[in-house]
């Protein structure tokens, strides 16, 4: 029913698509629209995450961690040159998982905000 709306998200993976379907199960059409409006602003595209990881490797160690809200890890990467470059290289390899984990947290936050907006 709402498949086209989920597919409009740039760079959506089948895993994220399935997660979104399960998370929004039971919401009406208006709630799904509200959810998608909130979620699309918080979500990180895996392609963008790869770009952040490469910039984190070459210019600003830890940039990718700051972008996804892991401030402590970002500071650690910054002061240790990306954990001697090893951590930054691992993040490049795992950029899709970094984006998906961040997006899972944003799904939860967006659902909470959607549910709270219905009570007011």
N, C-alpha and C. Protein backbone atom coordinates (compact mmCIF):
# COMPACT_ATOMS: atom_id res chain seq x y z
N UNK A 1 0.82 -1.20 0.00
CA UNK A 1 0.00 0.00 0.00
C UNK A 1 0.87 1.26 0.00
N UNK A 2 1.87 1.29 0.86
CA UNK A 2 2.74 2.46 0.95
C UNK A 2 4.10 2.18 0.31
N UNK A 3 4.18 1.13 -0.51
CA UNK A 3 5.45 0.70 -1.08
C UNK A 3 6.12 1.79 -1.89
N UNK A 4 5.35 2.51 -2.69
CA UNK A 4 5.92 3.55 -3.54
C UNK A 4 6.55 4.66 -2.70
N UNK A 5 5.97 4.96 -1.57
CA UNK A 5 6.52 6.02 -0.72
C UNK A 5 7.86 5.59 -0.13
N UNK A 6 8.00 4.34 0.25
CA UNK A 6 9.27 3.85 0.80
C UNK A 6 10.33 3.79 -0.30
N UNK A 7 9.93 3.38 -1.49
CA UNK A 7 10.88 3.25 -2.59
C UNK A 7 11.40 4.61 -3.06
N UNK A 8 10.72 5.68 -2.70
CA UNK A 8 11.16 7.02 -3.10
C UNK A 8 12.37 7.49 -2.28
N UNK A 9 12.67 6.80 -1.19
CA UNK A 9 13.85 7.16 -0.39
C UNK A 9 15.11 6.81 -1.17
N UNK A 10 16.04 7.75 -1.32
CA UNK A 10 17.24 7.47 -2.12
C UNK A 10 18.14 6.42 -1.46
N UNK A 11 18.59 5.45 -2.25
CA UNK A 11 19.53 4.45 -1.78
C UNK A 11 18.96 3.45 -0.81
N UNK A 12 17.66 3.24 -0.83
CA UNK A 12 17.05 2.31 0.14
C UNK A 12 17.44 0.87 -0.23
N UNK A 13 17.83 0.13 0.77
CA UNK A 13 18.22 -1.28 0.57
C UNK A 13 17.01 -2.17 0.87
N UNK A 14 17.03 -3.40 0.37
CA UNK A 14 15.93 -4.33 0.70
C UNK A 14 15.78 -4.54 2.21
N UNK A 15 16.91 -4.55 2.93
CA UNK A 15 16.87 -4.74 4.38
C UNK A 15 16.16 -3.56 5.05
N UNK A 16 16.49 -2.34 4.64
CA UNK A 16 15.86 -1.16 5.21
C UNK A 16 14.38 -1.09 4.83
N UNK A 17 14.08 -1.46 3.60
CA UNK A 17 12.70 -1.47 3.12
C UNK A 17 11.85 -2.41 3.97
N UNK A 18 12.36 -3.60 4.21
CA UNK A 18 11.65 -4.57 5.04
C UNK A 18 11.48 -4.06 6.46
N UNK A 19 12.53 -3.43 7.00
CA UNK A 19 12.47 -2.88 8.35
C UNK A 19 11.40 -1.79 8.43
N UNK A 20 11.34 -0.93 7.41
CA UNK A 20 10.33 0.14 7.40
C UNK A 20 8.92 -0.42 7.31
N UNK A 21 8.73 -1.45 6.50
CA UNK A 21 7.40 -2.06 6.39
C UNK A 21 6.95 -2.62 7.73
N UNK A 22 7.85 -3.31 8.42
CA UNK A 22 7.50 -3.87 9.73
C UNK A 22 7.24 -2.78 10.76
N UNK A 23 8.05 -1.73 10.71
CA UNK A 23 7.93 -0.66 11.70
C UNK A 23 6.63 0.13 11.53
N UNK A 24 6.20 0.32 10.30
CA UNK A 24 5.01 1.14 10.05
C UNK A 24 3.75 0.30 9.93
N UNK A 25 3.85 -0.98 10.18
CA UNK A 25 2.67 -1.84 10.14
C UNK A 25 1.66 -1.37 11.19
N UNK A 26 0.45 -1.14 10.78
CA UNK A 26 -0.58 -0.70 11.70
C UNK A 26 -0.82 0.80 11.70
N UNK A 27 0.00 1.56 10.97
CA UNK A 27 -0.22 3.00 10.87
C UNK A 27 -1.15 3.29 9.71
N UNK A 28 -1.98 4.31 9.86
CA UNK A 28 -2.83 4.70 8.74
C UNK A 28 -2.04 5.54 7.74
N UNK A 29 -2.68 5.90 6.63
CA UNK A 29 -1.99 6.61 5.55
C UNK A 29 -1.43 7.95 6.00
N UNK A 30 -2.18 8.70 6.77
CA UNK A 30 -1.71 10.00 7.26
C UNK A 30 -0.52 9.84 8.19
N UNK A 31 -0.56 8.84 9.06
CA UNK A 31 0.55 8.59 9.97
C UNK A 31 1.81 8.18 9.20
N UNK A 32 1.65 7.39 8.15
CA UNK A 32 2.80 6.98 7.33
C UNK A 32 3.40 8.19 6.64
N UNK A 33 2.56 9.08 6.13
CA UNK A 33 3.08 10.31 5.50
C UNK A 33 3.85 11.15 6.50
N UNK A 34 3.30 11.30 7.70
CA UNK A 34 3.99 12.07 8.74
C UNK A 34 5.31 11.40 9.11
N UNK A 35 5.27 10.09 9.27
CA UNK A 35 6.49 9.33 9.58
C UNK A 35 7.55 9.54 8.51
N UNK A 36 7.17 9.40 7.25
CA UNK A 36 8.14 9.55 6.16
C UNK A 36 8.70 10.96 6.08
N UNK A 37 7.87 11.94 6.37
CA UNK A 37 8.35 13.32 6.36
C UNK A 37 9.42 13.52 7.44
N UNK A 38 9.19 12.98 8.61
CA UNK A 38 10.16 13.10 9.71
C UNK A 38 11.40 12.25 9.41
N UNK A 39 11.18 11.01 9.01
CA UNK A 39 12.27 10.05 8.81
C UNK A 39 13.20 10.45 7.66
N UNK A 40 12.64 10.96 6.58
CA UNK A 40 13.49 11.30 5.44
C UNK A 40 14.48 12.42 5.77
N UNK A 41 14.15 13.25 6.71
CA UNK A 41 15.07 14.31 7.12
C UNK A 41 16.18 13.82 8.04
N UNK A 42 15.97 12.70 8.70
CA UNK A 42 16.95 12.18 9.66
C UNK A 42 17.80 11.05 9.08
N UNK A 43 17.34 10.45 8.03
CA UNK A 43 17.95 9.25 7.45
C UNK A 43 19.26 9.58 6.74
N UNK A 44 20.17 8.63 6.76
CA UNK A 44 21.44 8.76 6.04
C UNK A 44 21.47 7.75 4.89
N UNK A 45 21.77 8.24 3.71
CA UNK A 45 21.89 7.41 2.52
C UNK A 45 23.22 6.66 2.59
N UNK A 46 23.26 5.36 2.31
CA UNK A 46 24.52 4.62 2.35
C UNK A 46 25.59 5.19 1.42
N UNK A 47 25.19 5.73 0.28
CA UNK A 47 26.17 6.34 -0.64
C UNK A 47 26.80 7.58 -0.01
N UNK A 48 25.98 8.37 0.66
CA UNK A 48 26.52 9.55 1.36
C UNK A 48 27.44 9.12 2.49
N UNK A 49 27.08 8.04 3.17
CA UNK A 49 27.92 7.54 4.26
C UNK A 49 29.28 7.11 3.74
N UNK A 50 29.32 6.50 2.55
CA UNK A 50 30.59 6.13 1.95
C UNK A 50 31.44 7.37 1.69
N UNK A 51 30.82 8.42 1.19
CA UNK A 51 31.53 9.67 0.96
C UNK A 51 32.07 10.24 2.27
N UNK A 52 31.26 10.23 3.32
CA UNK A 52 31.73 10.72 4.62
C UNK A 52 32.89 9.89 5.14
N UNK A 53 32.84 8.57 4.92
CA UNK A 53 33.92 7.69 5.38
C UNK A 53 35.22 7.98 4.63
N UNK A 54 35.14 8.22 3.33
CA UNK A 54 36.34 8.53 2.55
C UNK A 54 36.92 9.87 2.99
N UNK A 55 36.06 10.85 3.21
CA UNK A 55 36.53 12.15 3.72
C UNK A 55 37.13 11.97 5.10
N UNK A 56 36.52 11.11 5.91
CA UNK A 56 37.05 10.81 7.24
C UNK A 56 38.42 10.16 7.18
N UNK A 57 38.66 9.36 6.16
CA UNK A 57 39.96 8.71 6.00
C UNK A 57 41.02 9.70 5.54
N UNK A 58 40.65 10.58 4.62
CA UNK A 58 41.63 11.47 3.98
C UNK A 58 41.81 12.83 4.68
N UNK A 59 40.74 13.41 5.16
CA UNK A 59 40.82 14.79 5.65
C UNK A 59 40.53 14.96 7.14
N UNK A 60 39.36 14.53 7.57
CA UNK A 60 38.91 14.77 8.94
C UNK A 60 38.59 13.43 9.59
N UNK A 61 39.53 12.85 10.30
CA UNK A 61 39.26 11.55 10.93
C UNK A 61 38.05 11.63 11.86
N UNK A 62 37.15 10.67 11.70
CA UNK A 62 35.97 10.61 12.56
C UNK A 62 34.76 11.34 12.04
N UNK A 63 34.87 11.98 10.88
CA UNK A 63 33.73 12.74 10.34
C UNK A 63 32.48 11.87 10.25
N UNK A 64 32.64 10.64 9.77
CA UNK A 64 31.50 9.74 9.62
C UNK A 64 30.83 9.46 10.96
N UNK A 65 31.61 9.41 12.02
CA UNK A 65 31.04 9.14 13.35
C UNK A 65 30.31 10.37 13.88
N UNK A 66 30.85 11.57 13.63
CA UNK A 66 30.15 12.79 14.03
C UNK A 66 28.82 12.91 13.29
N UNK A 67 28.81 12.59 12.00
CA UNK A 67 27.61 12.71 11.17
C UNK A 67 26.48 11.83 11.69
N UNK A 68 26.80 10.63 12.17
CA UNK A 68 25.75 9.72 12.65
C UNK A 68 25.48 9.87 14.14
N UNK A 69 26.08 10.88 14.75
CA UNK A 69 25.76 11.19 16.14
C UNK A 69 26.58 10.46 17.18
N UNK A 70 27.63 9.77 16.77
CA UNK A 70 28.51 9.09 17.71
C UNK A 70 29.68 10.03 18.05
N UNK A 71 29.39 11.03 18.86
CA UNK A 71 30.34 12.10 19.16
C UNK A 71 31.59 11.56 19.86
N UNK A 72 31.42 10.68 20.82
CA UNK A 72 32.56 10.11 21.54
C UNK A 72 33.51 9.37 20.61
N UNK A 73 32.96 8.53 19.75
CA UNK A 73 33.80 7.81 18.78
C UNK A 73 34.43 8.78 17.79
N UNK A 74 33.71 9.83 17.41
CA UNK A 74 34.26 10.84 16.50
C UNK A 74 35.47 11.53 17.10
N UNK A 75 35.38 11.87 18.39
CA UNK A 75 36.51 12.52 19.07
C UNK A 75 37.67 11.54 19.17
N UNK A 76 37.39 10.29 19.49
CA UNK A 76 38.44 9.27 19.56
C UNK A 76 39.14 9.11 18.22
N UNK A 77 38.37 9.03 17.14
CA UNK A 77 38.96 8.92 15.80
C UNK A 77 39.78 10.17 15.48
N UNK A 78 39.27 11.32 15.86
CA UNK A 78 39.95 12.58 15.57
C UNK A 78 41.32 12.64 16.23
N UNK A 79 41.39 12.24 17.50
CA UNK A 79 42.66 12.33 18.23
C UNK A 79 43.60 11.17 17.98
N UNK A 80 43.11 10.08 17.40
CA UNK A 80 43.97 8.93 17.13
C UNK A 80 44.16 8.70 15.63
N UNK A 81 43.86 9.72 14.83
CA UNK A 81 43.98 9.64 13.37
C UNK A 81 43.21 8.43 12.84
N UNK A 82 41.96 8.36 13.22
CA UNK A 82 41.11 7.26 12.75
C UNK A 82 41.54 5.92 13.28
N UNK A 83 41.96 5.92 14.57
CA UNK A 83 42.51 4.71 15.20
C UNK A 83 43.62 4.14 14.31
N UNK A 84 44.59 5.04 14.01
CA UNK A 84 45.74 4.71 13.15
C UNK A 84 45.28 4.22 11.78
N UNK A 85 44.28 4.85 11.25
CA UNK A 85 43.67 4.58 9.94
C UNK A 85 42.90 3.26 9.87
N UNK A 86 43.13 2.37 10.77
CA UNK A 86 42.45 1.06 10.72
C UNK A 86 40.94 1.23 10.91
N UNK A 87 40.55 2.01 11.89
CA UNK A 87 39.12 2.23 12.14
C UNK A 87 38.44 2.90 10.97
N UNK A 88 39.11 3.84 10.34
CA UNK A 88 38.52 4.52 9.18
C UNK A 88 38.37 3.58 8.00
N UNK A 89 39.34 2.70 7.80
CA UNK A 89 39.25 1.72 6.72
C UNK A 89 38.11 0.73 6.99
N UNK A 90 37.98 0.30 8.23
CA UNK A 90 36.88 -0.61 8.60
C UNK A 90 35.54 0.09 8.38
N UNK A 91 35.46 1.38 8.69
CA UNK A 91 34.21 2.11 8.47
C UNK A 91 33.88 2.21 6.98
N UNK A 92 34.89 2.36 6.13
CA UNK A 92 34.63 2.38 4.68
C UNK A 92 34.05 1.05 4.24
N UNK A 93 34.62 -0.03 4.73
CA UNK A 93 34.12 -1.37 4.37
C UNK A 93 32.70 -1.57 4.89
N UNK A 94 32.42 -1.07 6.08
CA UNK A 94 31.12 -1.28 6.73
C UNK A 94 30.19 -0.07 6.62
N UNK A 95 30.35 0.77 5.60
CA UNK A 95 29.55 1.99 5.51
C UNK A 95 28.05 1.70 5.42
N UNK A 96 27.66 0.61 4.78
CA UNK A 96 26.23 0.29 4.69
C UNK A 96 25.66 -0.07 6.05
N UNK A 97 26.43 -0.80 6.85
CA UNK A 97 25.97 -1.17 8.19
C UNK A 97 25.88 0.05 9.09
N UNK A 98 26.85 0.98 8.96
CA UNK A 98 26.80 2.22 9.75
C UNK A 98 25.52 2.99 9.43
N UNK A 99 25.23 3.12 8.14
CA UNK A 99 24.03 3.85 7.72
C UNK A 99 22.77 3.13 8.21
N UNK A 100 22.73 1.81 8.09
CA UNK A 100 21.53 1.07 8.50
C UNK A 100 21.30 1.16 10.00
N UNK A 101 22.36 1.04 10.80
CA UNK A 101 22.21 1.15 12.25
C UNK A 101 21.70 2.53 12.64
N UNK A 102 22.26 3.56 12.01
CA UNK A 102 21.79 4.92 12.28
C UNK A 102 20.33 5.06 11.89
N UNK A 103 19.97 4.52 10.71
CA UNK A 103 18.60 4.64 10.22
C UNK A 103 17.62 3.88 11.10
N UNK A 104 18.05 2.77 11.70
CA UNK A 104 17.17 2.05 12.62
C UNK A 104 16.82 2.93 13.82
N UNK A 105 17.80 3.64 14.34
CA UNK A 105 17.54 4.54 15.47
C UNK A 105 16.60 5.67 15.05
N UNK A 106 16.78 6.16 13.82
CA UNK A 106 15.93 7.24 13.33
C UNK A 106 14.50 6.77 13.07
N UNK A 107 14.33 5.50 12.69
CA UNK A 107 12.98 4.94 12.54
C UNK A 107 12.27 4.98 13.88
N UNK A 108 12.96 4.54 14.93
CA UNK A 108 12.36 4.54 16.26
C UNK A 108 11.99 5.96 16.69
N UNK A 109 12.91 6.92 16.52
CA UNK A 109 12.62 8.31 16.90
C UNK A 109 11.46 8.87 16.09
N UNK A 110 11.46 8.59 14.79
CA UNK A 110 10.40 9.11 13.91
C UNK A 110 9.04 8.52 14.27
N UNK A 111 9.03 7.24 14.60
CA UNK A 111 7.77 6.63 15.03
C UNK A 111 7.26 7.25 16.32
N UNK A 112 8.16 7.51 17.25
CA UNK A 112 7.76 8.15 18.52
C UNK A 112 7.18 9.53 18.24
N UNK A 113 7.83 10.29 17.38
CA UNK A 113 7.34 11.64 17.06
C UNK A 113 5.99 11.58 16.34
N UNK A 114 5.83 10.58 15.46
CA UNK A 114 4.56 10.43 14.75
C UNK A 114 3.44 10.10 15.72
N UNK A 115 3.70 9.20 16.63
CA UNK A 115 2.67 8.81 17.61
C UNK A 115 2.35 9.97 18.55
N UNK A 116 3.36 10.74 18.92
CA UNK A 116 3.12 11.89 19.83
C UNK A 116 2.30 12.96 19.11
N UNK A 117 2.52 13.15 17.82
CA UNK A 117 1.78 14.19 17.09
C UNK A 117 0.31 13.83 16.94
N UNK A 118 -0.02 12.53 17.02
CA UNK A 118 -1.43 12.13 16.91
C UNK A 118 -2.21 12.40 18.19
N UNK A 119 -1.52 12.49 19.31
CA UNK A 119 -2.21 12.73 20.57
C UNK A 119 -2.53 14.20 20.80
N UNK A 120 -1.88 15.06 20.06
CA UNK A 120 -2.08 16.50 20.29
C UNK A 120 -3.12 17.06 19.38
